[in-house]
Amino acid sequence: MSELKATPGTWVIGNESNSSVDLQIGETFACFDRENLNTFEPVISREEMLANAHLATAAPELYEALTAVVDFGNDANTKRGSWALAKAHAALAKARGES
């Protein structure tokens, strides 16, 4: 399996407002907006924006956990285990930008 090339370090939620939330990703920053960048009209709720931010900041831990599942699951011999393992491989490939 190839290696993840994402920014190492802690990914955390920073400043929040009604229309955006900042993410600190290692030593860099990213911003999630809930508004259309052309019309400045909200297109998602504040709750959805924050949920997206929480999901993004969980990415390193999710990647690590899924990698452990794949490593363990390579020994799986059941149809259900094979399906789950295929989904895990696909998700990891997507995270690495390979799909």
Protein backbone atom coordinates (compact mmCIF):
# COMPACT_ATOMS: atom_id res chain seq x y z
CA MET A 1 0.00 0.00 0.00
CA SER A 2 1.35 3.43 -0.85
CA GLU A 3 1.87 6.07 1.81
CA LEU A 4 -0.45 8.95 2.63
CA LYS A 5 1.03 12.30 1.59
CA ALA A 6 -1.28 14.51 3.71
CA THR A 7 -0.05 17.16 6.11
CA PRO A 8 1.21 15.51 9.30
CA GLY A 9 0.33 16.81 12.73
CA THR A 10 -2.83 17.66 14.57
CA TRP A 11 -5.93 18.70 12.62
CA VAL A 12 -8.24 20.86 14.77
CA ILE A 13 -11.13 23.27 14.47
CA GLY A 14 -10.11 26.87 15.07
CA ASN A 15 -12.17 30.05 14.84
CA GLU A 16 -15.88 29.71 14.09
CA SER A 17 -18.40 32.23 12.86
CA ASN A 18 -21.93 31.95 11.57
CA SER A 19 -20.66 31.67 7.99
CA SER A 20 -17.28 29.89 8.22
CA VAL A 21 -15.02 27.74 10.32
CA ASP A 22 -11.23 27.62 10.24
CA LEU A 23 -9.30 24.37 10.39
CA GLN A 24 -5.72 24.16 11.56
CA ILE A 25 -4.06 21.35 9.66
CA GLY A 26 -0.54 20.91 10.99
CA GLU A 27 1.00 24.33 10.55
CA THR A 28 -1.43 25.39 7.79
CA PHE A 29 -5.00 26.65 7.81
CA ALA A 30 -8.07 25.92 5.71
CA CYS A 31 -11.54 27.43 5.82
CA PHE A 32 -14.96 25.87 5.34
CA ASP A 33 -17.65 28.33 4.23
CA ARG A 34 -21.37 27.73 4.22
CA GLU A 35 -22.03 30.37 1.56
CA ASN A 36 -21.92 30.23 -2.22
CA LEU A 37 -18.77 32.14 -3.17
CA ASN A 38 -20.54 33.91 -6.06
CA THR A 39 -23.80 34.93 -4.39
CA PHE A 40 -22.72 34.90 -0.73
CA GLU A 41 -26.00 33.16 0.07
CA PRO A 42 -25.92 30.28 2.56
CA VAL A 43 -26.21 26.91 0.82
CA ILE A 44 -25.77 24.68 3.88
CA SER A 45 -26.71 25.10 7.52
CA ARG A 46 -24.20 26.10 10.17
CA GLU A 47 -24.69 22.64 11.71
CA GLU A 48 -23.76 20.97 8.42
CA MET A 49 -20.73 23.23 7.99
CA LEU A 50 -19.50 22.31 11.49
CA ALA A 51 -20.20 18.61 10.88
CA ASN A 52 -18.09 18.80 7.70
CA ALA A 53 -15.31 20.48 9.67
CA HIS A 54 -15.42 17.79 12.38
CA LEU A 55 -15.28 15.08 9.73
CA ALA A 56 -12.30 16.73 8.06
CA THR A 57 -10.39 17.09 11.34
CA ALA A 58 -11.01 13.40 12.08
CA ALA A 59 -9.42 12.38 8.77
CA PRO A 60 -5.97 11.44 10.15
CA GLU A 61 -7.46 9.25 12.88
CA LEU A 62 -9.97 7.71 10.46
CA TYR A 63 -7.14 6.96 8.04
CA GLU A 64 -5.04 5.36 10.77
CA ALA A 65 -7.97 3.29 12.05
CA LEU A 66 -8.97 2.16 8.56
CA THR A 67 -5.38 1.20 7.79
CA ALA A 68 -5.38 -0.98 10.92
CA VAL A 69 -8.68 -2.57 9.84
CA VAL A 70 -7.23 -3.34 6.41
CA ASP A 71 -4.06 -4.80 7.91
CA PHE A 72 -6.14 -6.98 10.22
CA GLY A 73 -8.82 -7.70 7.63
CA ASN A 74 -6.40 -9.05 5.03
CA ASP A 75 -6.84 -12.31 6.93
CA ALA A 76 -10.64 -12.15 6.63
CA ASN A 77 -12.13 -15.12 4.84
CA THR A 78 -15.84 -14.34 4.82
CA LYS A 79 -17.98 -12.76 2.11
CA ARG A 80 -18.96 -9.93 4.46
CA GLY A 81 -15.35 -9.46 5.53
CA SER A 82 -14.24 -9.34 1.89
CA TRP A 83 -16.87 -6.69 1.10
CA ALA A 84 -15.81 -4.56 4.10
CA LEU A 85 -12.17 -4.95 3.19
CA ALA A 86 -12.84 -3.87 -0.41
CA LYS A 87 -14.68 -0.76 0.86
CA ALA A 88 -11.80 0.01 3.23
CA HIS A 89 -9.22 -0.33 0.44
CA ALA A 90 -11.30 1.98 -1.78
CA ALA A 91 -11.64 4.61 0.95
CA LEU A 92 -7.91 4.55 1.67
CA ALA A 93 -7.11 4.85 -2.04
CA LYS A 94 -9.45 7.86 -2.28
CA ALA A 95 -7.73 9.46 0.75
CA ARG A 96 -4.37 9.01 -0.97
CA GLY A 97 -5.73 10.55 -4.20
CA GLU A 98 -5.47 7.30 -6.14
CA SER A 99 -9.09 7.08 -7.28
